[in-house]
């Protein structure tokens, strides 16, 4: 059976249900925007991911989305976490975070997506309208 994969590009963490005053208050699996990726991964591992041909590159090669392999065995919610960094920034400051979950049932995927989206909106006191997958 084919796997349906959903990637949430999360700048905010749905795990934090208290109202946050600063984006750095939100986290995914212990990582926050503004943290150094070096706190979670070795410099050699980061460089290897930057040079990996399957690494996602954004906006004219200014940013890369790196799999944070060294935290995989510590993840509690996501199956994989990716951090977006500027490859020229030697402190590897985390600019955005992505969490990955895999589903074999697309309806379950949509339900989880809606749940996470609602958690983010609630934690930020947002009244966001936009497209959502039909359930």
Foldseek 3Di string as FASTA:
>chain_A
DDKDKDKDFDLFALVDQAADPDSQVGDALPDHQFAQCCVQAPPVQVVVQLPDPPWDADDPNQKTWGWSVRCQVVHDPANTKTFIAGVVPSSRGGHTMMGMDMGPDVVVVLVVVVVSVVSVCNNHVHPDDDDGDDD
